[in-house]
C-alpha atoms as a PDB file:
ATOM      1  CA  UNK A   1       7.563  25.729  22.794  1.00  0.00           C
ATOM      2  CA  UNK A   2       8.795  22.528  24.398  1.00  0.00           C
ATOM      3  CA  UNK A   3       7.974  19.705  21.999  1.00  0.00           C
ATOM      4  CA  UNK A   4       7.979  17.235  24.890  1.00  0.00           C
ATOM      5  CA  UNK A   5       4.540  18.602  25.838  1.00  0.00           C
ATOM      6  CA  UNK A   6       3.030  17.027  22.744  1.00  0.00           C
ATOM      7  CA  UNK A   7       0.995  13.843  23.134  1.00  0.00           C
ATOM      8  CA  UNK A   8       1.875  10.647  21.321  1.00  0.00           C
ATOM      9  CA  UNK A   9      -0.044  10.032  18.145  1.00  0.00           C
ATOM     10  CA  UNK A  10      -2.924   7.521  18.075  1.00  0.00           C
ATOM     11  CA  UNK A  11      -1.775   3.954  18.648  1.00  0.00           C
ATOM     12  CA  UNK A  12       0.661   4.919  21.385  1.00  0.00           C
ATOM     13  CA  UNK A  13       4.432   4.681  21.324  1.00  0.00           C
ATOM     14  CA  UNK A  14       5.865   2.483  18.565  1.00  0.00           C
ATOM     15  CA  UNK A  15       9.220   0.906  19.369  1.00  0.00           C
ATOM     16  CA  UNK A  16      10.359   1.048  15.729  1.00  0.00           C
ATOM     17  CA  UNK A  17       8.120   3.582  13.949  1.00  0.00           C
ATOM     18  CA  UNK A  18       7.636   3.422  10.152  1.00  0.00           C
ATOM     19  CA  UNK A  19      10.159   6.012   8.932  1.00  0.00           C
ATOM     20  CA  UNK A  20      12.993   4.681  11.072  1.00  0.00           C
ATOM     21  CA  UNK A  21      12.186   1.102  10.099  1.00  0.00           C
ATOM     22  CA  UNK A  22      12.269   2.003   6.392  1.00  0.00           C
ATOM     23  CA  UNK A  23      15.517   4.009   6.707  1.00  0.00           C
ATOM     24  CA  UNK A  24      17.250   1.167   8.547  1.00  0.00           C
ATOM     25  CA  UNK A  25      16.084  -1.473   6.059  1.00  0.00           C
ATOM     26  CA  UNK A  26      17.194   0.563   3.035  1.00  0.00           C
ATOM     27  CA  UNK A  27      20.584   1.292   4.615  1.00  0.00           C
ATOM     28  CA  UNK A  28      21.163  -2.354   5.453  1.00  0.00           C
ATOM     29  CA  UNK A  29      20.108  -3.410   1.954  1.00  0.00           C
ATOM     30  CA  UNK A  30      22.493  -0.933   0.314  1.00  0.00           C
ATOM     31  CA  UNK A  31      25.273  -1.992   2.697  1.00  0.00           C
ATOM     32  CA  UNK A  32      24.869  -5.604   1.581  1.00  0.00           C
ATOM     33  CA  UNK A  33      25.191  -4.481  -2.038  1.00  0.00           C
ATOM     34  CA  UNK A  34      28.320  -2.497  -1.145  1.00  0.00           C
ATOM     35  CA  UNK A  35      29.970  -5.724  -0.082  1.00  0.00           C
ATOM     36  CA  UNK A  36      29.364  -7.369  -3.455  1.00  0.00           C
ATOM     37  CA  UNK A  37      32.282  -6.790  -5.865  1.00  0.00           C
ATOM     38  CA  UNK A  38      29.884  -6.197  -8.764  1.00  0.00           C
ATOM     39  CA  UNK A  39      28.277  -3.197  -7.034  1.00  0.00           C
ATOM     40  CA  UNK A  40      30.842  -1.717  -4.635  1.00  0.00           C
ATOM     41  CA  UNK A  41      32.785   0.317  -7.189  1.00  0.00           C
ATOM     42  CA  UNK A  42      29.719   1.726  -8.928  1.00  0.00           C
ATOM     43  CA  UNK A  43      27.996   2.669  -5.671  1.00  0.00           C
ATOM     44  CA  UNK A  44      31.060   4.541  -4.417  1.00  0.00           C
ATOM     45  CA  UNK A  45      31.828   6.362  -7.653  1.00  0.00           C
ATOM     46  CA  UNK A  46      28.260   7.361  -8.485  1.00  0.00           C
ATOM     47  CA  UNK A  47      26.435   7.714  -5.173  1.00  0.00           C
ATOM     48  CA  UNK A  48      29.007   8.796  -2.556  1.00  0.00           C
ATOM     49  CA  UNK A  49      29.321  12.542  -1.919  1.00  0.00           C
ATOM     50  CA  UNK A  50      32.316  13.670  -3.968  1.00  0.00           C
ATOM     51  CA  UNK A  51      33.741  17.206  -3.723  1.00  0.00           C
ATOM     52  CA  UNK A  52      32.482  19.500  -6.469  1.00  0.00           C
ATOM     53  CA  UNK A  53      35.911  19.966  -8.030  1.00  0.00           C
ATOM     54  CA  UNK A  54      36.793  16.283  -8.071  1.00  0.00           C
ATOM     55  CA  UNK A  55      35.093  15.564 -11.376  1.00  0.00           C
ATOM     56  CA  UNK A  56      32.957  12.825  -9.791  1.00  0.00           C
ATOM     57  CA  UNK A  57      30.280  15.030  -8.227  1.00  0.00           C
ATOM     58  CA  UNK A  58      26.674  14.321  -9.264  1.00  0.00           C
ATOM     59  CA  UNK A  59      23.585  16.357  -8.392  1.00  0.00           C
ATOM     60  CA  UNK A  60      21.924  13.426  -6.573  1.00  0.00           C
ATOM     61  CA  UNK A  61      24.869  12.663  -4.293  1.00  0.00           C
ATOM     62  CA  UNK A  62      23.791  15.003  -1.395  1.00  0.00           C
ATOM     63  CA  UNK A  63      20.912  12.546  -0.940  1.00  0.00           C
ATOM     64  CA  UNK A  64      22.373   9.179  -1.920  1.00  0.00           C
ATOM     65  CA  UNK A  65      25.498   9.428   0.249  1.00  0.00           C
ATOM     66  CA  UNK A  66      23.221   8.985   3.278  1.00  0.00           C
ATOM     67  CA  UNK A  67      22.700   5.321   2.383  1.00  0.00           C
ATOM     68  CA  UNK A  68      26.360   4.303   1.999  1.00  0.00           C
ATOM     69  CA  UNK A  69      28.619   3.217   4.857  1.00  0.00           C
ATOM     70  CA  UNK A  70      32.267   2.365   5.259  1.00  0.00           C
ATOM     71  CA  UNK A  71      32.015  -0.720   7.437  1.00  0.00           C
ATOM     72  CA  UNK A  72      29.944  -2.764   9.842  1.00  0.00           C
ATOM     73  CA  UNK A  73      30.724  -0.548  12.853  1.00  0.00           C
ATOM     74  CA  UNK A  74      29.890   2.573  10.841  1.00  0.00           C
ATOM     75  CA  UNK A  75      26.410   1.449   9.829  1.00  0.00           C
ATOM     76  CA  UNK A  76      25.668  -0.233  13.170  1.00  0.00           C
ATOM     77  CA  UNK A  77      26.330   2.844  15.310  1.00  0.00           C
ATOM     78  CA  UNK A  78      24.521   5.167  12.889  1.00  0.00           C
ATOM     79  CA  UNK A  79      21.412   3.001  12.766  1.00  0.00           C
ATOM     80  CA  UNK A  80      21.532   2.307  16.505  1.00  0.00           C
ATOM     81  CA  UNK A  81      21.705   6.040  17.291  1.00  0.00           C
ATOM     82  CA  UNK A  82      18.935   6.743  14.780  1.00  0.00           C
ATOM     83  CA  UNK A  83      16.690   4.245  16.546  1.00  0.00           C
ATOM     84  CA  UNK A  84      17.600   5.244  20.118  1.00  0.00           C
ATOM     85  CA  UNK A  85      17.133   8.985  19.619  1.00  0.00           C
ATOM     86  CA  UNK A  86      14.772   9.050  16.653  1.00  0.00           C
ATOM     87  CA  UNK A  87      11.988   6.678  17.728  1.00  0.00           C
ATOM     88  CA  UNK A  88      10.561   9.049  20.302  1.00  0.00           C
ATOM     89  CA  UNK A  89      10.840  12.002  17.942  1.00  0.00           C
ATOM     90  CA  UNK A  90       8.929  10.232  15.166  1.00  0.00           C
ATOM     91  CA  UNK A  91       6.281   9.128  17.656  1.00  0.00           C
ATOM     92  CA  UNK A  92       5.740  12.788  18.599  1.00  0.00           C
ATOM     93  CA  UNK A  93       6.062  14.443  15.196  1.00  0.00           C
ATOM     94  CA  UNK A  94       4.552  11.798  12.973  1.00  0.00           C
ATOM     95  CA  UNK A  95       6.198   9.928  10.107  1.00  0.00           C
ATOM     96  CA  UNK A  96       5.838  12.653   7.477  1.00  0.00           C
ATOM     97  CA  UNK A  97       7.405  15.410   9.586  1.00  0.00           C
ATOM     98  CA  UNK A  98      10.190  13.123  10.767  1.00  0.00           C
ATOM     99  CA  UNK A  99      11.084  12.199   7.181  1.00  0.00           C
ATOM    100  CA  UNK A 100      11.165  15.866   6.183  1.00  0.00           C
ATOM    101  CA  UNK A 101      13.412  16.704   9.125  1.00  0.00           C
ATOM    102  CA  UNK A 102      15.758  13.724   8.661  1.00  0.00           C
ATOM    103  CA  UNK A 103      16.424  14.329   4.975  1.00  0.00           C
ATOM    104  CA  UNK A 104      16.606  18.107   5.412  1.00  0.00           C
ATOM    105  CA  UNK A 105      19.384  17.584   7.967  1.00  0.00           C
ATOM    106  CA  UNK A 106      21.131  15.010   5.782  1.00  0.00           C
ATOM    107  CA  UNK A 107      21.075  17.104   2.611  1.00  0.00           C
ATOM    108  CA  UNK A 108      21.959  20.270   4.530  1.00  0.00           C
ATOM    109  CA  UNK A 109      24.901  18.449   6.115  1.00  0.00           C
ATOM    110  CA  UNK A 110      26.054  17.433   2.626  1.00  0.00           C
ATOM    111  CA  UNK A 111      25.993  21.015   1.332  1.00  0.00           C
ATOM    112  CA  UNK A 112      27.942  22.315   4.325  1.00  0.00           C
ATOM    113  CA  UNK A 113      30.424  19.457   3.988  1.00  0.00           C
ATOM    114  CA  UNK A 114      30.950  20.314   0.311  1.00  0.00           C
ATOM    115  CA  UNK A 115      31.917  23.847   1.325  1.00  0.00           C
ATOM    116  CA  UNK A 116      34.203  22.606   4.086  1.00  0.00           C
ATOM    117  CA  UNK A 117      35.957  20.016   1.903  1.00  0.00           C
ATOM    118  CA  UNK A 118      36.491  22.182  -1.173  1.00  0.00           C
ATOM    119  CA  UNK A 119      39.710  21.066  -2.838  1.00  0.00           C
ATOM    120  CA  UNK A 120      39.599  17.583  -1.349  1.00  0.00           C
ATOM    121  CA  UNK A 121      39.712  14.474  -3.520  1.00  0.00           C
ATOM    122  CA  UNK A 122      37.975  12.117  -1.083  1.00  0.00           C
ATOM    123  CA  UNK A 123      34.262  11.249  -0.956  1.00  0.00           C
ATOM    124  CA  UNK A 124      31.980  11.358   2.079  1.00  0.00           C
ATOM    125  CA  UNK A 125      29.549   8.572   2.948  1.00  0.00           C
ATOM    126  CA  UNK A 126      27.225   7.730   5.808  1.00  0.00           C
ATOM    127  CA  UNK A 127      24.019   8.828   7.507  1.00  0.00           C
ATOM    128  CA  UNK A 128      25.907  10.566  10.307  1.00  0.00           C
ATOM    129  CA  UNK A 129      24.936  14.105   9.250  1.00  0.00           C
ATOM    130  CA  UNK A 130      21.224  13.267   9.424  1.00  0.00           C
ATOM    131  CA  UNK A 131      21.684  11.243  12.627  1.00  0.00           C
ATOM    132  CA  UNK A 132      23.438  14.164  14.323  1.00  0.00           C
ATOM    133  CA  UNK A 133      20.450  16.285  13.347  1.00  0.00           C
ATOM    134  CA  UNK A 134      18.206  13.751  15.078  1.00  0.00           C
ATOM    135  CA  UNK A 135      20.476  13.859  18.139  1.00  0.00           C
ATOM    136  CA  UNK A 136      20.164  17.652  18.191  1.00  0.00           C
ATOM    137  CA  UNK A 137      16.370  17.394  17.991  1.00  0.00           C
ATOM    138  CA  UNK A 138      16.320  14.983  20.935  1.00  0.00           C
ATOM    139  CA  UNK A 139      18.369  17.409  22.998  1.00  0.00           C
ATOM    140  CA  UNK A 140      16.046  20.291  22.152  1.00  0.00           C
ATOM    141  CA  UNK A 141      12.871  18.294  22.779  1.00  0.00           C
ATOM    142  CA  UNK A 142      13.986  16.603  25.976  1.00  0.00           C
ATOM    143  CA  UNK A 143      16.784  18.805  27.392  1.00  0.00           C
ATOM    144  CA  UNK A 144      16.538  17.408  30.923  1.00  0.00           C
ATOM    145  CA  UNK A 145      16.197  13.756  29.941  1.00  0.00           C
ATOM    146  CA  UNK A 146      19.117  11.704  31.292  1.00  0.00           C
ATOM    147  CA  UNK A 147      21.338   9.764  28.894  1.00  0.00           C
ATOM    148  CA  UNK A 148      23.678   7.159  30.341  1.00  0.00           C
ATOM    149  CA  UNK A 149      27.109   7.717  28.859  1.00  0.00           C
ATOM    150  CA  UNK A 150      28.792   4.342  28.317  1.00  0.00           C
ATOM    151  CA  UNK A 151      25.689   2.905  30.030  1.00  0.00           C
ATOM    152  CA  UNK A 152      27.119   4.098  33.374  1.00  0.00           C
ATOM    153  CA  UNK A 153      27.300   7.881  33.738  1.00  0.00           C
ATOM    154  CA  UNK A 154      24.037   9.891  33.670  1.00  0.00           C
ATOM    155  CA  UNK A 155      24.163  13.182  31.793  1.00  0.00           C
ATOM    156  CA  UNK A 156      21.323  15.464  30.730  1.00  0.00           C
ATOM    157  CA  UNK A 157      20.539  15.415  27.026  1.00  0.00           C
ATOM    158  CA  UNK A 158      21.241  19.137  26.565  1.00  0.00           C
ATOM    159  CA  UNK A 159      24.780  18.741  27.930  1.00  0.00           C
ATOM    160  CA  UNK A 160      25.312  15.517  26.000  1.00  0.00           C
ATOM    161  CA  UNK A 161      24.404  17.199  22.713  1.00  0.00           C
ATOM    162  CA  UNK A 162      26.417  20.347  23.493  1.00  0.00           C
ATOM    163  CA  UNK A 163      29.429  18.188  24.324  1.00  0.00           C
ATOM    164  CA  UNK A 164      29.204  16.348  21.022  1.00  0.00           C
ATOM    165  CA  UNK A 165      28.896  19.648  19.138  1.00  0.00           C
ATOM    166  CA  UNK A 166      32.057  21.036  20.772  1.00  0.00           C
ATOM    167  CA  UNK A 167      33.975  17.824  20.120  1.00  0.00           C
ATOM    168  CA  UNK A 168      32.989  17.811  16.442  1.00  0.00           C
ATOM    169  CA  UNK A 169      33.799  21.505  16.041  1.00  0.00           C
ATOM    170  CA  UNK A 170      37.296  21.316  17.488  1.00  0.00           C
ATOM    171  CA  UNK A 171      37.983  17.982  15.829  1.00  0.00           C
ATOM    172  CA  UNK A 172      36.988  19.478  12.497  1.00  0.00           C
ATOM    173  CA  UNK A 173      39.227  22.507  13.020  1.00  0.00           C
ATOM    174  CA  UNK A 174      42.086  20.256  14.079  1.00  0.00           C
ATOM    175  CA  UNK A 175      41.799  18.025  11.039  1.00  0.00           C
ATOM    176  CA  UNK A 176      41.982  21.068   8.728  1.00  0.00           C
ATOM    177  CA  UNK A 177      44.730  23.015  10.470  1.00  0.00           C
ATOM    178  CA  UNK A 178      46.935  20.009  11.202  1.00  0.00           C
ATOM    179  CA  UNK A 179      46.259  18.332   7.876  1.00  0.00           C
ATOM    180  CA  UNK A 180      45.453  15.046   9.594  1.00  0.00           C
ATOM    181  CA  UNK A 181      44.218  12.101   7.600  1.00  0.00           C
ATOM    182  CA  UNK A 182      41.058  11.693   9.627  1.00  0.00           C
ATOM    183  CA  UNK A 183      38.368   9.810   7.740  1.00  0.00           C
ATOM    184  CA  UNK A 184      35.573  11.288   9.896  1.00  0.00           C
ATOM    185  CA  UNK A 185      33.378  13.956   8.284  1.00  0.00           C
ATOM    186  CA  UNK A 186      33.263  16.298  11.286  1.00  0.00           C
ATOM    187  CA  UNK A 187      31.762  19.175   9.325  1.00  0.00           C
ATOM    188  CA  UNK A 188      28.998  16.962   7.976  1.00  0.00           C
ATOM    189  CA  UNK A 189      28.124  16.112  11.594  1.00  0.00           C
ATOM    190  CA  UNK A 190      28.144  19.779  12.556  1.00  0.00           C
ATOM    191  CA  UNK A 191      26.192  20.620   9.430  1.00  0.00           C
ATOM    192  CA  UNK A 192      23.442  18.196  10.368  1.00  0.00           C
ATOM    193  CA  UNK A 193      23.208  19.716  13.835  1.00  0.00           C
ATOM    194  CA  UNK A 194      23.213  23.273  12.481  1.00  0.00           C
ATOM    195  CA  UNK A 195      20.482  22.574   9.938  1.00  0.00           C
ATOM    196  CA  UNK A 196      18.461  20.773  12.614  1.00  0.00           C
ATOM    197  CA  UNK A 197      18.793  23.726  14.978  1.00  0.00           C
ATOM    198  CA  UNK A 198      17.683  26.168  12.257  1.00  0.00           C
ATOM    199  CA  UNK A 199      14.743  23.938  11.298  1.00  0.00           C
ATOM    200  CA  UNK A 200      13.440  23.546  14.850  1.00  0.00           C
ATOM    201  CA  UNK A 201      14.051  27.203  15.715  1.00  0.00           C
ATOM    202  CA  UNK A 202      11.992  28.322  12.728  1.00  0.00           C
ATOM    203  CA  UNK A 203       9.218  25.927  13.720  1.00  0.00           C
ATOM    204  CA  UNK A 204       9.245  27.267  17.263  1.00  0.00           C
ATOM    205  CA  UNK A 205       9.053  30.838  16.045  1.00  0.00           C
ATOM    206  CA  UNK A 206       5.998  29.910  14.034  1.00  0.00           C
ATOM    207  CA  UNK A 207       4.418  28.494  17.197  1.00  0.00           C
ATOM    208  CA  UNK A 208       5.377  31.651  19.119  1.00  0.00           C
ATOM    209  CA  UNK A 209       3.611  33.739  16.488  1.00  0.00           C
ATOM    210  CA  UNK A 210       0.493  31.650  17.013  1.00  0.00           C
ATOM    211  CA  UNK A 211       0.904  32.321  20.726  1.00  0.00           C
ATOM    212  CA  UNK A 212       0.828  36.068  20.077  1.00  0.00           C
ATOM    213  CA  UNK A 213      -2.403  35.654  18.140  1.00  0.00           C
ATOM    214  CA  UNK A 214      -3.840  33.688  21.045  1.00  0.00           C
ATOM    215  CA  UNK A 215      -3.017  36.536  23.437  1.00  0.00           C
ATOM    216  CA  UNK A 216      -4.767  38.995  21.137  1.00  0.00           C
ATOM    217  CA  UNK A 217      -7.872  36.804  21.216  1.00  0.00           C
ATOM    218  CA  UNK A 218      -8.017  36.611  25.031  1.00  0.00           C
ATOM    219  CA  UNK A 219     -10.894  38.316  26.893  1.00  0.00           C
ATOM    220  CA  UNK A 220     -10.401  42.079  27.361  1.00  0.00           C
ATOM    221  CA  UNK A 221     -11.905  44.008  30.314  1.00  0.00           C
ATOM    222  CA  UNK A 222     -13.968  47.065  29.497  1.00  0.00           C
ATOM    223  CA  UNK A 223     -15.619  48.439  32.628  1.00  0.00           C
ATOM    224  CA  UNK A 224     -17.561  45.605  34.223  1.00  0.00           C
ATOM    225  CA  UNK A 225     -17.959  43.652  31.009  1.00  0.00           C
ATOM    226  CA  UNK A 226     -15.605  41.105  29.440  1.00  0.00           C
ATOM    227  CA  UNK A 227     -15.482  40.869  25.681  1.00  0.00           C
ATOM    228  CA  UNK A 228     -14.642  37.426  24.332  1.00  0.00           C
ATOM    229  CA  UNK A 229     -13.277  36.792  20.880  1.00  0.00           C
ATOM    230  CA  UNK A 230     -15.623  34.709  18.769  1.00  0.00           C
ATOM    231  CA  UNK A 231     -12.624  32.817  17.439  1.00  0.00           C
ATOM    232  CA  UNK A 232     -11.900  31.188  20.802  1.00  0.00           C
ATOM    233  CA  UNK A 233     -14.261  29.080  22.904  1.00  0.00           C
ATOM    234  CA  UNK A 234     -13.824  28.422  26.623  1.00  0.00           C
ATOM    235  CA  UNK A 235     -15.698  25.173  26.371  1.00  0.00           C
ATOM    236  CA  UNK A 236     -13.702  21.954  26.613  1.00  0.00           C
ATOM    237  CA  UNK A 237     -13.168  20.081  23.378  1.00  0.00           C
ATOM    238  CA  UNK A 238     -15.225  16.924  22.989  1.00  0.00           C
ATOM    239  CA  UNK A 239     -13.621  13.512  22.823  1.00  0.00           C
ATOM    240  CA  UNK A 240     -14.541  13.306  19.137  1.00  0.00           C
ATOM    241  CA  UNK A 241     -12.791  16.625  18.493  1.00  0.00           C
ATOM    242  CA  UNK A 242      -9.620  15.440  20.227  1.00  0.00           C
ATOM    243  CA  UNK A 243      -9.690  12.207  18.199  1.00  0.00           C
ATOM    244  CA  UNK A 244      -9.983  14.266  15.011  1.00  0.00           C
ATOM    245  CA  UNK A 245      -6.985  16.406  16.002  1.00  0.00           C
ATOM    246  CA  UNK A 246      -4.884  13.331  16.809  1.00  0.00           C
ATOM    247  CA  UNK A 247      -5.771  11.800  13.454  1.00  0.00           C
ATOM    248  CA  UNK A 248      -4.635  15.018  11.777  1.00  0.00           C
ATOM    249  CA  UNK A 249      -1.281  14.767  13.579  1.00  0.00           C
ATOM    250  CA  UNK A 250      -0.897  11.216  12.287  1.00  0.00           C
ATOM    251  CA  UNK A 251      -1.550  12.277   8.711  1.00  0.00           C
ATOM    252  CA  UNK A 252       0.307  15.577   8.522  1.00  0.00           C
ATOM    253  CA  UNK A 253       2.314  16.062  11.735  1.00  0.00           C
ATOM    254  CA  UNK A 254       1.901  18.452  14.644  1.00  0.00           C
ATOM    255  CA  UNK A 255       2.879  21.535  12.630  1.00  0.00           C
ATOM    256  CA  UNK A 256      -0.260  21.172  10.490  1.00  0.00           C
ATOM    257  CA  UNK A 257      -2.529  22.037  13.433  1.00  0.00           C
ATOM    258  CA  UNK A 258      -4.119  25.451  13.726  1.00  0.00           C
ATOM    259  CA  UNK A 259      -3.539  27.575  16.824  1.00  0.00           C
ATOM    260  CA  UNK A 260      -7.023  26.715  18.096  1.00  0.00           C
ATOM    261  CA  UNK A 261      -6.429  22.980  17.620  1.00  0.00           C
ATOM    262  CA  UNK A 262      -3.138  23.203  19.511  1.00  0.00           C
ATOM    263  CA  UNK A 263      -4.873  25.052  22.346  1.00  0.00           C
ATOM    264  CA  UNK A 264      -7.587  22.417  22.603  1.00  0.00           C
ATOM    265  CA  UNK A 265      -5.033  19.597  22.557  1.00  0.00           C
ATOM    266  CA  UNK A 266      -2.887  21.217  25.233  1.00  0.00           C
ATOM    267  CA  UNK A 267      -5.945  21.902  27.412  1.00  0.00           C
ATOM    268  CA  UNK A 268      -7.131  18.295  27.057  1.00  0.00           C
ATOM    269  CA  UNK A 269      -3.663  17.005  27.895  1.00  0.00           C
ATOM    270  CA  UNK A 270      -3.630  18.928  31.189  1.00  0.00           C
ATOM    271  CA  UNK A 271      -6.807  17.246  32.433  1.00  0.00           C
END
């Protein structure tokens, strides 16, 4: 299923939707604390993502590392990318589903990074793993949408995302084989994209399964008669029914809809 076929939730497109606004505010707040001498050491030692064998690893760090950043440029570009690519996704999926996806990618990126950095003595910080997951979702939702590279060169989102994935992969391999002192967590970036791809693929397979059920319920010819499933109506959904479905998306996200509700919404959107 192409998620770009989904309608916006009630209220229309929000420039800075709730989840992204909250994530940005929390990150900025923590960044300000990082720059205070009284907090900087404690935040890094307790809440950064330390390798398991370093002696500093804590069970909460795969979550808390997402809110720490190494400098102004680091937090600015992460939050800017989150807003640019994430706003449209949250407007389609709803706040709850976006939060689940964002933190699933971030925590998944942390776990993959822990495997990739086994034996290291350096911590990892930053929201980049989750942000790369959001970038991957944008490319899968809007593959033919043009992104202007350096604000000048148009490139389709699917090629933009694929290019970033290849760059991160080879950069990560290079940093390990050459023993470079790169301070970029390439495998956390790749981890976020991988977890995002798995998450969306599983969701799409669930939708495909619903599609199979829909085909089973279609009218079947037997002689001159057509037998219609009682579970599917050919009548158009009323405006009140569509409003109820949109409200459900707002509360619980698109994935909470039944196959029949999705069919009605898609049919209404085509009119």
